[in-house]
């Protein structure tokens, strides 16, 4: 199994070529925040015209929920809006009924966030074009940047809380360890004095 993991920033759209061996599975994964639009097209391409290799495709969320499943297809598309933050994975496998097939090339065009938005529909709906449409895209990018910064700030605050708690616990443990050491040292000193008195050495 092969995975490509990338952190989602603002706008992402990229095509990936995969060579799937017969009976093998390869996966593409993305770290995506919640409430983000994801769209992907996939296409199986063969070197021989007589070869009609088919794929099985499964897309899962970070908690294992199946977001898309398709079998015995040469091409397809999936679109969803994430409800969970984390690694979303798309796994592709060459179907077992493809006799004599050694390897299948698959193209995946994976788009996330602003890149996945249907700007043609937005332009028609709001009756905008040219510079106005580009400004609308830039506004979407700014909103995505602000959202990402807010998420980073929230993570930083969480990490600071964890760090402060850890420091407090380490300090408590250090004080306890010092107290135990002093107590043990005092007990050993008392025990030695008692031993020497019994032996009448002091």
N, C-alpha and C. Protein backbone atom coordinates (compact mmCIF):
# COMPACT_ATOMS: atom_id res chain seq x y z
N UNK A 1 0.84 -1.19 0.00
CA UNK A 1 0.00 0.00 0.00
C UNK A 1 0.88 1.24 0.00
N UNK A 2 0.54 2.19 -0.85
CA UNK A 2 1.33 3.41 -0.97
C UNK A 2 0.46 4.59 -0.60
N UNK A 3 0.99 5.52 0.20
CA UNK A 3 0.22 6.69 0.63
C UNK A 3 0.99 7.96 0.34
N UNK A 4 0.26 8.98 -0.08
CA UNK A 4 0.80 10.31 -0.24
C UNK A 4 0.07 11.19 0.75
N UNK A 5 0.75 11.75 1.76
CA UNK A 5 0.09 12.58 2.77
C UNK A 5 0.55 14.01 2.63
N UNK A 6 -0.41 14.93 2.58
CA UNK A 6 -0.09 16.35 2.43
C UNK A 6 -0.97 17.16 3.36
N UNK A 7 -0.42 18.26 3.88
CA UNK A 7 -1.20 19.15 4.73
C UNK A 7 -1.96 20.13 3.86
N UNK A 8 -3.24 20.33 4.16
CA UNK A 8 -4.08 21.20 3.37
C UNK A 8 -3.90 22.64 3.83
N UNK A 9 -3.59 23.53 2.92
CA UNK A 9 -3.44 24.94 3.28
C UNK A 9 -4.64 25.71 2.78
N UNK A 10 -4.54 26.31 1.61
CA UNK A 10 -5.63 27.17 1.16
C UNK A 10 -6.32 26.59 -0.06
N UNK A 11 -5.57 26.41 -1.13
CA UNK A 11 -6.14 25.94 -2.37
C UNK A 11 -5.27 24.81 -2.88
N UNK A 12 -5.89 23.68 -3.17
CA UNK A 12 -5.08 22.56 -3.61
C UNK A 12 -5.81 21.81 -4.71
N UNK A 13 -5.09 21.56 -5.78
CA UNK A 13 -5.62 20.75 -6.85
C UNK A 13 -4.45 20.12 -7.56
N UNK A 14 -4.36 18.81 -7.58
CA UNK A 14 -3.24 18.18 -8.26
C UNK A 14 -3.66 16.83 -8.81
N UNK A 15 -3.01 16.48 -9.89
CA UNK A 15 -3.26 15.18 -10.51
C UNK A 15 -2.13 14.23 -10.14
N UNK A 16 -2.48 12.99 -9.85
CA UNK A 16 -1.50 11.99 -9.44
C UNK A 16 -1.64 10.77 -10.36
N UNK A 17 -0.50 10.29 -10.83
CA UNK A 17 -0.48 9.05 -11.61
C UNK A 17 -0.09 7.89 -10.69
N UNK A 18 -0.86 6.82 -10.74
CA UNK A 18 -0.54 5.62 -9.98
C UNK A 18 -0.47 4.42 -10.91
N UNK A 19 0.50 3.56 -10.71
CA UNK A 19 0.57 2.29 -11.43
C UNK A 19 0.15 1.19 -10.47
N UNK A 20 -1.02 0.63 -10.72
CA UNK A 20 -1.56 -0.41 -9.84
C UNK A 20 -1.23 -1.80 -10.37
N UNK A 21 -0.52 -2.61 -9.59
CA UNK A 21 -0.28 -3.99 -10.02
C UNK A 21 -1.55 -4.82 -9.86
N UNK A 22 -1.65 -5.88 -10.63
CA UNK A 22 -2.83 -6.75 -10.54
C UNK A 22 -2.96 -7.30 -9.13
N UNK A 23 -4.11 -7.13 -8.54
CA UNK A 23 -4.35 -7.62 -7.18
C UNK A 23 -3.80 -6.72 -6.10
N UNK A 24 -3.15 -5.61 -6.48
CA UNK A 24 -2.57 -4.71 -5.50
C UNK A 24 -3.47 -3.51 -5.23
N UNK A 25 -3.21 -2.85 -4.13
CA UNK A 25 -3.98 -1.67 -3.73
C UNK A 25 -3.02 -0.52 -3.45
N UNK A 26 -3.40 0.66 -3.93
CA UNK A 26 -2.64 1.86 -3.61
C UNK A 26 -3.62 2.92 -3.11
N UNK A 27 -3.13 3.74 -2.18
CA UNK A 27 -4.00 4.74 -1.57
C UNK A 27 -3.40 6.13 -1.67
N UNK A 28 -4.27 7.10 -1.77
CA UNK A 28 -3.90 8.51 -1.74
C UNK A 28 -4.58 9.10 -0.51
N UNK A 29 -3.82 9.79 0.33
CA UNK A 29 -4.41 10.35 1.55
C UNK A 29 -4.10 11.83 1.67
N UNK A 30 -5.02 12.54 2.28
CA UNK A 30 -4.88 13.98 2.49
C UNK A 30 -5.30 14.32 3.91
N UNK A 31 -4.55 15.19 4.55
CA UNK A 31 -4.94 15.72 5.86
C UNK A 31 -5.83 16.93 5.62
N UNK A 32 -7.12 16.82 5.94
CA UNK A 32 -8.10 17.84 5.61
C UNK A 32 -8.86 18.26 6.86
N UNK A 33 -9.15 19.56 6.96
CA UNK A 33 -9.95 20.07 8.07
C UNK A 33 -11.43 19.76 7.82
N UNK A 34 -12.27 20.00 8.81
CA UNK A 34 -13.71 19.78 8.65
C UNK A 34 -14.33 20.91 7.84
N UNK A 35 -15.50 20.62 7.26
CA UNK A 35 -16.25 21.59 6.43
C UNK A 35 -15.47 22.08 5.22
N UNK A 36 -14.75 21.17 4.58
CA UNK A 36 -13.99 21.49 3.37
C UNK A 36 -14.53 20.64 2.21
N UNK A 37 -14.72 21.28 1.06
CA UNK A 37 -15.20 20.56 -0.12
C UNK A 37 -14.06 19.78 -0.75
N UNK A 38 -14.34 18.51 -1.08
CA UNK A 38 -13.35 17.65 -1.74
C UNK A 38 -13.97 17.08 -3.01
N UNK A 39 -13.23 17.15 -4.09
CA UNK A 39 -13.71 16.60 -5.36
C UNK A 39 -12.56 15.89 -6.05
N UNK A 40 -12.84 14.76 -6.66
CA UNK A 40 -11.78 14.03 -7.38
C UNK A 40 -12.38 13.25 -8.55
N UNK A 41 -11.62 13.21 -9.63
CA UNK A 41 -11.94 12.37 -10.78
C UNK A 41 -10.87 11.31 -10.91
N UNK A 42 -11.25 10.10 -11.27
CA UNK A 42 -10.26 9.04 -11.47
C UNK A 42 -10.56 8.32 -12.78
N UNK A 43 -9.48 7.85 -13.42
CA UNK A 43 -9.59 7.23 -14.73
C UNK A 43 -8.52 6.16 -14.89
N UNK A 44 -8.94 4.96 -15.29
CA UNK A 44 -8.01 3.86 -15.55
C UNK A 44 -7.60 3.92 -17.02
N UNK A 45 -6.30 3.89 -17.27
CA UNK A 45 -5.77 3.98 -18.63
C UNK A 45 -4.92 2.76 -18.92
N UNK A 46 -5.19 2.14 -20.06
CA UNK A 46 -4.46 0.93 -20.43
C UNK A 46 -3.64 1.18 -21.69
N UNK A 47 -2.54 0.42 -21.81
CA UNK A 47 -1.68 0.54 -22.99
C UNK A 47 -2.28 -0.17 -24.20
N UNK A 48 -3.16 -1.13 -23.93
CA UNK A 48 -3.74 -1.92 -25.02
C UNK A 48 -5.23 -1.61 -25.16
N UNK A 49 -5.67 -1.46 -26.40
CA UNK A 49 -7.09 -1.14 -26.66
C UNK A 49 -8.00 -2.27 -26.21
N UNK A 50 -7.51 -3.51 -26.30
CA UNK A 50 -8.34 -4.68 -25.94
C UNK A 50 -8.46 -4.85 -24.43
N UNK A 51 -7.63 -4.14 -23.68
CA UNK A 51 -7.62 -4.28 -22.23
C UNK A 51 -8.65 -3.32 -21.61
N UNK A 52 -9.67 -3.88 -20.98
CA UNK A 52 -10.71 -3.07 -20.32
C UNK A 52 -10.64 -3.32 -18.82
N UNK A 53 -9.56 -2.90 -18.22
CA UNK A 53 -9.36 -3.12 -16.79
C UNK A 53 -10.32 -2.24 -15.99
N UNK A 54 -10.85 -2.82 -14.92
CA UNK A 54 -11.77 -2.07 -14.07
C UNK A 54 -11.19 -1.93 -12.66
N UNK A 55 -11.70 -0.94 -11.95
CA UNK A 55 -11.18 -0.61 -10.62
C UNK A 55 -12.27 -0.73 -9.57
N UNK A 56 -11.81 -0.91 -8.34
CA UNK A 56 -12.66 -0.75 -7.16
C UNK A 56 -12.08 0.42 -6.38
N UNK A 57 -12.94 1.36 -6.01
CA UNK A 57 -12.50 2.58 -5.34
C UNK A 57 -13.28 2.73 -4.03
N UNK A 58 -12.54 3.04 -2.97
CA UNK A 58 -13.19 3.29 -1.67
C UNK A 58 -12.53 4.50 -1.01
N UNK A 59 -13.36 5.44 -0.58
CA UNK A 59 -12.88 6.64 0.11
C UNK A 59 -13.41 6.61 1.54
N UNK A 60 -12.51 6.78 2.50
CA UNK A 60 -12.91 6.72 3.91
C UNK A 60 -12.48 7.97 4.66
N UNK A 61 -13.23 8.26 5.72
CA UNK A 61 -12.94 9.41 6.59
C UNK A 61 -11.94 8.98 7.66
N UNK A 62 -11.44 9.94 8.48
CA UNK A 62 -10.49 9.57 9.54
C UNK A 62 -11.03 8.55 10.53
N UNK A 63 -12.36 8.50 10.71
CA UNK A 63 -12.96 7.56 11.66
C UNK A 63 -13.50 6.30 10.97
N UNK A 64 -13.12 6.10 9.71
CA UNK A 64 -13.48 4.88 9.02
C UNK A 64 -14.82 4.89 8.32
N UNK A 65 -15.52 6.03 8.28
CA UNK A 65 -16.79 6.11 7.57
C UNK A 65 -16.53 6.10 6.06
N UNK A 66 -17.32 5.32 5.33
CA UNK A 66 -17.16 5.23 3.88
C UNK A 66 -17.88 6.41 3.22
N UNK A 67 -17.12 7.25 2.52
CA UNK A 67 -17.66 8.43 1.86
C UNK A 67 -17.98 8.17 0.40
N UNK A 68 -17.32 7.19 -0.19
CA UNK A 68 -17.56 6.84 -1.60
C UNK A 68 -17.07 5.42 -1.83
N UNK A 69 -17.87 4.66 -2.57
CA UNK A 69 -17.46 3.30 -2.94
C UNK A 69 -17.98 3.01 -4.34
N UNK A 70 -17.11 2.47 -5.19
CA UNK A 70 -17.49 2.13 -6.55
C UNK A 70 -16.68 0.92 -6.99
N UNK A 71 -17.32 -0.01 -7.71
CA UNK A 71 -16.65 -1.24 -8.15
C UNK A 71 -16.90 -1.47 -9.63
N UNK A 72 -15.94 -2.18 -10.25
CA UNK A 72 -16.02 -2.54 -11.67
C UNK A 72 -16.24 -1.32 -12.57
N UNK A 73 -15.43 -0.29 -12.36
CA UNK A 73 -15.55 0.93 -13.17
C UNK A 73 -14.18 1.26 -13.77
N UNK A 74 -14.22 1.98 -14.89
CA UNK A 74 -12.98 2.45 -15.51
C UNK A 74 -12.74 3.92 -15.18
N UNK A 75 -13.80 4.61 -14.76
CA UNK A 75 -13.64 6.01 -14.37
C UNK A 75 -14.78 6.39 -13.43
N UNK A 76 -14.62 7.51 -12.77
CA UNK A 76 -15.66 7.96 -11.85
C UNK A 76 -15.27 9.27 -11.18
N UNK A 77 -16.14 9.70 -10.28
CA UNK A 77 -15.90 10.95 -9.57
C UNK A 77 -16.52 10.84 -8.18
N UNK A 78 -15.89 11.48 -7.21
CA UNK A 78 -16.52 11.59 -5.89
C UNK A 78 -16.40 13.02 -5.40
N UNK A 79 -17.46 13.45 -4.72
CA UNK A 79 -17.53 14.80 -4.16
C UNK A 79 -18.16 14.71 -2.79
N UNK A 80 -17.57 15.36 -1.81
CA UNK A 80 -18.16 15.40 -0.47
C UNK A 80 -17.61 16.60 0.29
N UNK A 81 -18.32 16.96 1.35
CA UNK A 81 -17.84 17.99 2.27
C UNK A 81 -17.45 17.31 3.57
N UNK A 82 -16.24 17.51 4.01
CA UNK A 82 -15.74 16.79 5.19
C UNK A 82 -16.50 17.20 6.45
N UNK A 83 -16.82 16.22 7.26
CA UNK A 83 -17.46 16.49 8.55
C UNK A 83 -16.51 16.21 9.71
N UNK A 84 -15.36 15.60 9.38
CA UNK A 84 -14.35 15.27 10.39
C UNK A 84 -13.00 15.81 9.92
N UNK A 85 -12.22 16.30 10.87
CA UNK A 85 -10.86 16.75 10.55
C UNK A 85 -9.90 15.58 10.70
N UNK A 86 -8.99 15.43 9.75
CA UNK A 86 -8.02 14.33 9.83
C UNK A 86 -7.66 13.81 8.44
N UNK A 87 -7.05 12.64 8.41
CA UNK A 87 -6.59 12.06 7.15
C UNK A 87 -7.73 11.33 6.45
N UNK A 88 -8.07 11.81 5.26
CA UNK A 88 -9.06 11.16 4.40
C UNK A 88 -8.31 10.35 3.35
N UNK A 89 -8.76 9.14 3.10
CA UNK A 89 -8.00 8.22 2.26
C UNK A 89 -8.85 7.67 1.13
N UNK A 90 -8.28 7.66 -0.07
CA UNK A 90 -8.91 7.04 -1.24
C UNK A 90 -8.04 5.87 -1.68
N UNK A 91 -8.60 4.67 -1.64
CA UNK A 91 -7.86 3.46 -2.01
C UNK A 91 -8.41 2.88 -3.31
N UNK A 92 -7.51 2.55 -4.24
CA UNK A 92 -7.88 1.99 -5.53
C UNK A 92 -7.27 0.61 -5.70
N UNK A 93 -8.06 -0.28 -6.28
CA UNK A 93 -7.60 -1.66 -6.48
C UNK A 93 -8.07 -2.16 -7.84
N UNK A 94 -7.19 -2.89 -8.53
CA UNK A 94 -7.57 -3.50 -9.80
C UNK A 94 -8.45 -4.70 -9.50
N UNK A 95 -9.63 -4.76 -10.12
CA UNK A 95 -10.56 -5.86 -9.85
C UNK A 95 -9.96 -7.20 -10.23
N UNK A 96 -10.35 -8.23 -9.50
CA UNK A 96 -9.79 -9.57 -9.70
C UNK A 96 -10.22 -10.24 -10.98
N UNK A 97 -11.28 -9.73 -11.64
CA UNK A 97 -11.76 -10.38 -12.87
C UNK A 97 -11.02 -9.92 -14.12
N UNK A 98 -9.97 -9.10 -13.95
CA UNK A 98 -9.18 -8.64 -15.10
C UNK A 98 -8.08 -9.66 -15.39
N UNK A 99 -8.38 -10.64 -16.21
CA UNK A 99 -7.44 -11.73 -16.50
C UNK A 99 -6.30 -11.23 -17.38
N UNK A 100 -5.07 -11.61 -17.03
CA UNK A 100 -3.91 -11.29 -17.84
C UNK A 100 -3.37 -9.89 -17.68
N UNK A 101 -3.99 -9.11 -16.82
CA UNK A 101 -3.54 -7.74 -16.61
C UNK A 101 -2.44 -7.71 -15.56
N UNK A 102 -1.31 -7.14 -15.91
CA UNK A 102 -0.19 -7.06 -14.97
C UNK A 102 -0.19 -5.74 -14.20
N UNK A 103 -0.52 -4.65 -14.91
CA UNK A 103 -0.46 -3.33 -14.29
C UNK A 103 -1.43 -2.39 -14.98
N UNK A 104 -2.04 -1.52 -14.19
CA UNK A 104 -2.99 -0.54 -14.73
C UNK A 104 -2.57 0.85 -14.26
N UNK A 105 -2.54 1.80 -15.18
CA UNK A 105 -2.23 3.18 -14.83
C UNK A 105 -3.53 3.91 -14.49
N UNK A 106 -3.49 4.65 -13.40
CA UNK A 106 -4.69 5.38 -12.96
C UNK A 106 -4.33 6.84 -12.74
N UNK A 107 -5.16 7.71 -13.29
CA UNK A 107 -5.00 9.15 -13.09
C UNK A 107 -6.04 9.61 -12.07
N UNK A 108 -5.58 10.29 -11.02
CA UNK A 108 -6.48 10.86 -10.02
C UNK A 108 -6.28 12.36 -9.99
N UNK A 109 -7.34 13.10 -10.28
CA UNK A 109 -7.30 14.56 -10.19
C UNK A 109 -8.03 14.95 -8.91
N UNK A 110 -7.25 15.28 -7.87
CA UNK A 110 -7.76 15.48 -6.51
C UNK A 110 -7.78 16.98 -6.23
N UNK A 111 -8.98 17.54 -5.92
CA UNK A 111 -9.11 18.97 -5.67
C UNK A 111 -9.77 19.21 -4.31
N UNK A 112 -9.25 20.21 -3.61
CA UNK A 112 -9.70 20.46 -2.24
C UNK A 112 -9.96 21.95 -2.04
N UNK A 113 -11.01 22.26 -1.29
CA UNK A 113 -11.28 23.64 -0.90
C UNK A 113 -11.67 24.51 -2.08
N UNK A 114 -10.96 25.64 -2.24
CA UNK A 114 -11.27 26.60 -3.31
C UNK A 114 -11.12 25.95 -4.68
N UNK A 115 -10.12 25.09 -4.83
CA UNK A 115 -9.88 24.43 -6.12
C UNK A 115 -11.03 23.53 -6.52
N UNK A 116 -11.82 23.03 -5.55
CA UNK A 116 -12.92 22.12 -5.84
C UNK A 116 -14.24 22.85 -6.10
N UNK A 117 -14.26 24.15 -5.90
CA UNK A 117 -15.50 24.91 -6.06
C UNK A 117 -15.83 25.09 -7.53
N UNK A 118 -17.11 24.99 -7.86
CA UNK A 118 -17.57 25.15 -9.24
C UNK A 118 -17.76 26.64 -9.52
N UNK A 119 -16.70 27.28 -10.01
CA UNK A 119 -16.74 28.73 -10.22
C UNK A 119 -17.61 29.11 -11.40
N UNK A 120 -17.79 28.21 -12.36
CA UNK A 120 -18.68 28.51 -13.49
C UNK A 120 -20.12 28.68 -13.01
N UNK A 121 -20.55 27.79 -12.09
CA UNK A 121 -21.90 27.90 -11.54
C UNK A 121 -22.05 29.18 -10.72
N UNK A 122 -21.00 29.51 -9.95
CA UNK A 122 -21.03 30.74 -9.15
C UNK A 122 -21.15 31.95 -10.06
N UNK A 123 -20.39 31.96 -11.17
CA UNK A 123 -20.42 33.09 -12.10
C UNK A 123 -21.79 33.25 -12.74
N UNK A 124 -22.42 32.11 -13.11
CA UNK A 124 -23.75 32.17 -13.73
C UNK A 124 -24.81 32.61 -12.71
N UNK A 125 -24.70 32.06 -11.49
CA UNK A 125 -25.70 32.36 -10.46
C UNK A 125 -25.64 33.83 -10.04
N UNK A 126 -24.44 34.35 -9.85
CA UNK A 126 -24.30 35.73 -9.40
C UNK A 126 -24.09 36.72 -10.55
N UNK A 127 -24.11 36.20 -11.79
CA UNK A 127 -23.98 37.02 -12.99
C UNK A 127 -22.73 37.91 -12.93
N UNK A 128 -21.61 37.25 -12.68
CA UNK A 128 -20.33 37.97 -12.64
C UNK A 128 -19.35 37.30 -13.59
N UNK A 129 -18.36 38.04 -14.04
CA UNK A 129 -17.34 37.49 -14.93
C UNK A 129 -16.09 38.36 -14.88
N UNK A 130 -15.03 37.87 -15.49
CA UNK A 130 -13.80 38.64 -15.58
C UNK A 130 -13.19 38.97 -14.23
N UNK A 131 -12.95 40.26 -14.02
CA UNK A 131 -12.29 40.73 -12.80
C UNK A 131 -13.12 40.42 -11.57
N UNK A 132 -14.44 40.56 -11.69
CA UNK A 132 -15.32 40.29 -10.54
C UNK A 132 -15.20 38.84 -10.08
N UNK A 133 -15.13 37.93 -11.04
CA UNK A 133 -14.99 36.51 -10.71
C UNK A 133 -13.66 36.24 -10.04
N UNK A 134 -12.59 36.86 -10.55
CA UNK A 134 -11.27 36.68 -9.94
C UNK A 134 -11.25 37.23 -8.52
N UNK A 135 -11.92 38.38 -8.31
CA UNK A 135 -12.01 38.94 -6.96
C UNK A 135 -12.79 38.01 -6.03
N UNK A 136 -13.80 37.36 -6.58
CA UNK A 136 -14.59 36.40 -5.79
C UNK A 136 -13.71 35.22 -5.38
N UNK A 137 -12.85 34.76 -6.30
CA UNK A 137 -11.93 33.67 -5.98
C UNK A 137 -10.94 34.09 -4.89
N UNK A 138 -10.42 35.34 -5.04
CA UNK A 138 -9.49 35.84 -4.03
C UNK A 138 -10.16 35.96 -2.66
N UNK A 139 -11.43 36.36 -2.66
CA UNK A 139 -12.17 36.45 -1.39
C UNK A 139 -12.30 35.07 -0.74
N UNK A 140 -12.54 34.07 -1.58
CA UNK A 140 -12.61 32.70 -1.06
C UNK A 140 -11.29 32.25 -0.48
N UNK A 141 -10.18 32.61 -1.14
CA UNK A 141 -8.85 32.26 -0.64
C UNK A 141 -8.56 32.94 0.69
N UNK A 142 -8.96 34.23 0.80
CA UNK A 142 -8.75 34.96 2.05
C UNK A 142 -9.53 34.32 3.19
N UNK A 143 -10.78 33.94 2.91
CA UNK A 143 -11.60 33.27 3.93
C UNK A 143 -10.96 31.97 4.37
N UNK A 144 -10.40 31.22 3.39
CA UNK A 144 -9.75 29.95 3.71
C UNK A 144 -8.50 30.18 4.56
N UNK A 145 -7.74 31.26 4.25
CA UNK A 145 -6.54 31.59 5.03
C UNK A 145 -6.92 31.94 6.47
N UNK A 146 -7.96 32.77 6.62
CA UNK A 146 -8.41 33.15 7.96
C UNK A 146 -8.86 31.95 8.77
N UNK A 147 -9.58 31.02 8.10
CA UNK A 147 -10.03 29.81 8.78
C UNK A 147 -8.84 28.96 9.21
N UNK A 148 -7.85 28.84 8.32
CA UNK A 148 -6.67 28.05 8.64
C UNK A 148 -5.88 28.67 9.79
N UNK A 149 -5.78 30.00 9.80
CA UNK A 149 -5.08 30.69 10.89
C UNK A 149 -5.80 30.50 12.22
N UNK A 150 -7.14 30.53 12.17
CA UNK A 150 -7.92 30.31 13.39
C UNK A 150 -7.70 28.90 13.92
N UNK A 151 -7.62 27.92 13.01
CA UNK A 151 -7.37 26.54 13.42
C UNK A 151 -5.98 26.41 14.04
N UNK A 152 -4.98 27.08 13.42
CA UNK A 152 -3.62 27.04 13.96
C UNK A 152 -3.54 27.68 15.35
N UNK A 153 -4.26 28.79 15.53
CA UNK A 153 -4.29 29.45 16.84
C UNK A 153 -4.92 28.54 17.89
N UNK A 154 -5.99 27.86 17.49
CA UNK A 154 -6.66 26.94 18.42
C UNK A 154 -5.73 25.79 18.81
N UNK A 155 -5.01 25.26 17.83
CA UNK A 155 -4.05 24.18 18.11
C UNK A 155 -2.93 24.66 19.02
N UNK A 156 -2.45 25.91 18.76
CA UNK A 156 -1.39 26.47 19.58
C UNK A 156 -1.85 26.63 21.03
N UNK A 157 -3.10 27.10 21.21
CA UNK A 157 -3.66 27.26 22.56
C UNK A 157 -3.76 25.92 23.26
N UNK A 158 -4.21 24.89 22.52
CA UNK A 158 -4.31 23.54 23.11
C UNK A 158 -2.93 23.03 23.51
N UNK A 159 -1.94 23.24 22.64
CA UNK A 159 -0.59 22.78 22.95
C UNK A 159 -0.01 23.52 24.15
N UNK A 160 -0.34 24.82 24.28
CA UNK A 160 0.14 25.60 25.42
C UNK A 160 -0.45 25.06 26.72
N UNK A 161 -1.74 24.73 26.68
CA UNK A 161 -2.41 24.18 27.87
C UNK A 161 -1.76 22.85 28.27
N UNK A 162 -1.53 21.99 27.27
CA UNK A 162 -0.89 20.69 27.53
C UNK A 162 0.51 20.89 28.10
N UNK A 163 1.26 21.85 27.52
CA UNK A 163 2.62 22.13 27.98
C UNK A 163 2.63 22.63 29.42
N UNK A 164 1.70 23.55 29.74
CA UNK A 164 1.63 24.08 31.12
C UNK A 164 1.29 22.97 32.11
N UNK A 165 0.34 22.12 31.74
CA UNK A 165 -0.04 21.01 32.63
C UNK A 165 1.14 20.06 32.84
N UNK A 166 1.86 19.78 31.74
CA UNK A 166 3.02 18.88 31.84
C UNK A 166 4.09 19.48 32.74
N UNK A 167 4.36 20.77 32.57
CA UNK A 167 5.37 21.44 33.41
C UNK A 167 4.97 21.41 34.89
N UNK A 168 3.67 21.65 35.17
CA UNK A 168 3.19 21.63 36.55
C UNK A 168 3.35 20.23 37.15
N UNK A 169 3.04 19.20 36.38
CA UNK A 169 3.17 17.83 36.88
C UNK A 169 4.63 17.44 37.11
N UNK A 170 5.50 17.90 36.19
CA UNK A 170 6.93 17.63 36.36
C UNK A 170 7.46 18.31 37.62
N UNK A 171 7.00 19.55 37.87
CA UNK A 171 7.43 20.28 39.07
C UNK A 171 6.95 19.56 40.33
N UNK A 172 5.68 19.10 40.32
CA UNK A 172 5.15 18.35 41.47
C UNK A 172 5.93 17.07 41.71
N UNK A 173 6.23 16.37 40.63
CA UNK A 173 6.98 15.12 40.74
C UNK A 173 8.39 15.38 41.28
N UNK A 174 9.00 16.48 40.83
CA UNK A 174 10.35 16.82 41.31
C UNK A 174 10.34 17.11 42.81
N UNK A 175 9.33 17.88 43.25
CA UNK A 175 9.21 18.19 44.69
C UNK A 175 8.98 16.92 45.50
N UNK A 176 8.10 16.05 44.99
CA UNK A 176 7.85 14.77 45.67
C UNK A 176 9.11 13.93 45.75
N UNK A 177 9.86 13.89 44.62
CA UNK A 177 11.10 13.10 44.60
C UNK A 177 12.11 13.66 45.60
N UNK A 178 12.21 15.00 45.66
CA UNK A 178 13.12 15.63 46.61
C UNK A 178 12.72 15.32 48.05
N UNK A 179 11.40 15.38 48.32
CA UNK A 179 10.89 15.05 49.66
C UNK A 179 11.20 13.62 50.04
N UNK A 180 11.01 12.69 49.10
CA UNK A 180 11.30 11.27 49.36
C UNK A 180 12.79 11.08 49.65
N UNK A 181 13.64 11.76 48.85
CA UNK A 181 15.10 11.64 49.05
C UNK A 181 15.51 12.15 50.44
N UNK A 182 14.95 13.32 50.84
CA UNK A 182 15.27 13.87 52.16
C UNK A 182 14.80 12.94 53.27
N UNK A 183 13.58 12.39 53.13
CA UNK A 183 13.03 11.47 54.13
C UNK A 183 13.89 10.22 54.25
N UNK A 184 14.26 9.64 53.10
CA UNK A 184 15.08 8.42 53.11
C UNK A 184 16.45 8.71 53.71
N UNK A 185 17.04 9.87 53.37
CA UNK A 185 18.35 10.23 53.93
C UNK A 185 18.27 10.40 55.45
N UNK A 186 17.20 11.05 55.92
CA UNK A 186 17.01 11.22 57.36
C UNK A 186 16.84 9.89 58.06
N UNK A 187 16.06 9.00 57.45
CA UNK A 187 15.86 7.67 58.05
C UNK A 187 17.17 6.90 58.12
N UNK A 188 17.96 6.96 57.04
CA UNK A 188 19.25 6.26 57.03
C UNK A 188 20.20 6.82 58.09
N UNK A 189 20.21 8.15 58.25
CA UNK A 189 21.05 8.78 59.25
C UNK A 189 20.65 8.35 60.67
N UNK A 190 19.33 8.34 60.92
CA UNK A 190 18.83 7.90 62.22
C UNK A 190 19.18 6.43 62.47
N UNK A 191 19.04 5.60 61.44
CA UNK A 191 19.34 4.17 61.55
C UNK A 191 20.83 3.95 61.84
N UNK A 192 21.71 4.72 61.21
CA UNK A 192 23.15 4.60 61.45
C UNK A 192 23.52 5.01 62.88
N UNK A 193 22.92 6.10 63.34
CA UNK A 193 23.17 6.53 64.72
C UNK A 193 22.74 5.47 65.71
N UNK A 194 21.60 4.89 65.47
CA UNK A 194 21.10 3.83 66.37
C UNK A 194 22.03 2.62 66.35
N UNK A 195 22.52 2.28 65.17
CA UNK A 195 23.42 1.14 65.03
C UNK A 195 24.72 1.39 65.81
N UNK A 196 25.28 2.60 65.64
CA UNK A 196 26.53 2.93 66.33
C UNK A 196 26.34 2.95 67.87
N UNK A 197 25.19 3.42 68.34
CA UNK A 197 24.91 3.42 69.79
C UNK A 197 24.83 2.00 70.32
N UNK A 198 24.21 1.11 69.57
CA UNK A 198 24.11 -0.28 70.00
C UNK A 198 25.50 -0.91 70.10
N UNK A 199 26.36 -0.55 69.18
CA UNK A 199 27.70 -1.09 69.16
C UNK A 199 28.65 -0.30 70.11
N UNK A 200 28.06 0.75 70.71
CA UNK A 200 28.82 1.61 71.62
C UNK A 200 30.04 2.22 70.93
N UNK A 201 29.79 2.61 69.68
CA UNK A 201 30.85 3.27 68.94
C UNK A 201 30.79 4.78 69.12
N UNK A 202 29.63 5.28 69.60
CA UNK A 202 29.53 6.71 69.91
C UNK A 202 28.94 6.90 71.29
